[in-house]
Amino acid sequence: MQAVLFDMDGLLVDSEKIWFEVESEVMERLGGRWGHGDQEHLVGGSMPSTVAYMLQVAGGGVSPEEVTAWMLDGMITRLSGGVEMMPGAAELLAAVRRAGLPTALVTSSLRPIAEACLESIGRHNFDHVVTGDQVARPKPDPEPYLTATRLLGAEPARCVVLEDSPNGVTAATAAGCRVVAVPSVVPVPEAPGRLVVGSLLEVDVETLRELSAREI
């Protein structure tokens, strides 16, 4: 195993509920309605895809740039007070760093949102950070994870990715990485080269090494 790559929202930080609050507020401003089914449809997706979906549901009338600004303002306002880490996240990050393994944070969130979350997660835990506005094709395309492995100088097949959404798992698998899935909002099925667990409390460095060495 050459490196460990982490998703952010719903995997390291308990931010999906914050996203839902902000999306609901923005949709209300657009004159539409928002439900958990809408969030499930978008979990793990990019800001442009989220904004496009919201405008489609609400019937338009506002520019994508303005809706994006509303979303950013709402998220950063809430995240500025700190964000709660998911169970086992801080412990696993610390263990991976103690083991001397290179790491990257790979998120569909825009850079300002990632930076706000990193105040709680700890910038020192990552050698590189890849955000949704840094790539041309966000998750579920493999580009974000291929970008991260290239920055780390690692072979995708010798990297383990930790993800919580089907979009993220699809991206990591398409990049050629092994995957630990910790479903948060939407279920993720078992598959070759993938370990599905209930929380990060079930994962340690040895778990990652075993998955990396497993034959597919």
Foldseek 3Di string as FASTA:
>chain_A
DAAEEEEPDQAWFPCLVLLQVLLQVLLVVLVAGDDLVLSLVQPQHALLVNLVVSCVRSVHPDDSVVSSVSSLVSLLVVLQVPTHTFPQNQVQLVQCVVVVHAYEYQYNYDPVNVVSHCVHNPPVSHPYYHYNVNDPDGFVALVSVLVVCVVSVHQLLQYEYEEAHPRVVNNSVVSNHQYEYQHRSDDDDDDQSYHYDPGNVVDHPVNRVVSSPDDD
